Amino acid sequence: MDPAETKRAQLDKGLCDDLSWP
């Protein structure tokens, strides 16, 4: 996985966690 994709995934997870999404 590209570093950019990894960062994107981490950001998406962070947003989901931050908004308490499933």
N, C-alpha and C. Protein backbone atom coordinates (compact mmCIF):
# COMPACT_ATOMS: atom_id res chain seq x y z
N MET A 1 0.85 -1.20 0.00
CA MET A 1 0.00 0.00 0.00
C MET A 1 0.88 1.25 0.00
N ASP A 2 0.50 2.22 -0.82
CA ASP A 2 1.28 3.47 -0.88
C ASP A 2 1.12 4.27 0.40
N PRO A 3 2.16 5.01 0.77
CA PRO A 3 2.11 5.85 1.98
C PRO A 3 0.90 6.79 1.96
N ALA A 4 0.59 7.31 0.79
CA ALA A 4 -0.55 8.22 0.66
C ALA A 4 -1.85 7.49 0.99
N GLU A 5 -1.96 6.25 0.50
CA GLU A 5 -3.17 5.47 0.76
C GLU A 5 -3.27 5.14 2.24
N THR A 6 -2.11 4.82 2.84
CA THR A 6 -2.09 4.51 4.26
C THR A 6 -2.53 5.72 5.07
N LYS A 7 -2.00 6.89 4.70
CA LYS A 7 -2.36 8.12 5.42
C LYS A 7 -3.84 8.41 5.24
N ARG A 8 -4.34 8.19 4.03
CA ARG A 8 -5.76 8.43 3.76
C ARG A 8 -6.62 7.51 4.62
N ALA A 9 -6.22 6.26 4.72
CA ALA A 9 -6.97 5.29 5.52
C ALA A 9 -6.96 5.71 6.99
N GLN A 10 -5.80 6.18 7.46
CA GLN A 10 -5.68 6.61 8.85
C GLN A 10 -6.57 7.83 9.09
N LEU A 11 -6.59 8.75 8.12
CA LEU A 11 -7.41 9.95 8.26
C LEU A 11 -8.89 9.57 8.26
N ASP A 12 -9.28 8.66 7.36
CA ASP A 12 -10.67 8.22 7.29
C ASP A 12 -11.07 7.57 8.61
N LYS A 13 -10.19 6.73 9.15
CA LYS A 13 -10.48 6.06 10.41
C LYS A 13 -10.60 7.10 11.52
N GLY A 14 -9.71 8.08 11.49
CA GLY A 14 -9.74 9.13 12.51
C GLY A 14 -11.05 9.90 12.46
N LEU A 15 -11.53 10.19 11.24
CA LEU A 15 -12.78 10.91 11.10
C LEU A 15 -13.93 10.06 11.61
N CYS A 16 -13.95 8.79 11.27
CA CYS A 16 -15.01 7.89 11.72
C CYS A 16 -15.01 7.80 13.24
N ASP A 17 -13.82 7.64 13.82
CA ASP A 17 -13.72 7.56 15.28
C ASP A 17 -14.16 8.88 15.90
N ASP A 18 -13.77 9.98 15.28
CA ASP A 18 -14.08 11.30 15.82
C ASP A 18 -15.58 11.57 15.80
N LEU A 19 -16.25 11.07 14.76
CA LEU A 19 -17.69 11.31 14.63
C LEU A 19 -18.50 10.14 15.19
N SER A 20 -17.78 9.17 15.78
CA SER A 20 -18.45 8.01 16.40
C SER A 20 -19.25 7.21 15.37
N TRP A 21 -18.71 7.11 14.15
CA TRP A 21 -19.37 6.30 13.13
C TRP A 21 -19.02 4.83 13.34
N PRO A 22 -19.87 3.93 12.88
CA PRO A 22 -19.60 2.48 12.99
C PRO A 22 -18.44 2.05 12.11
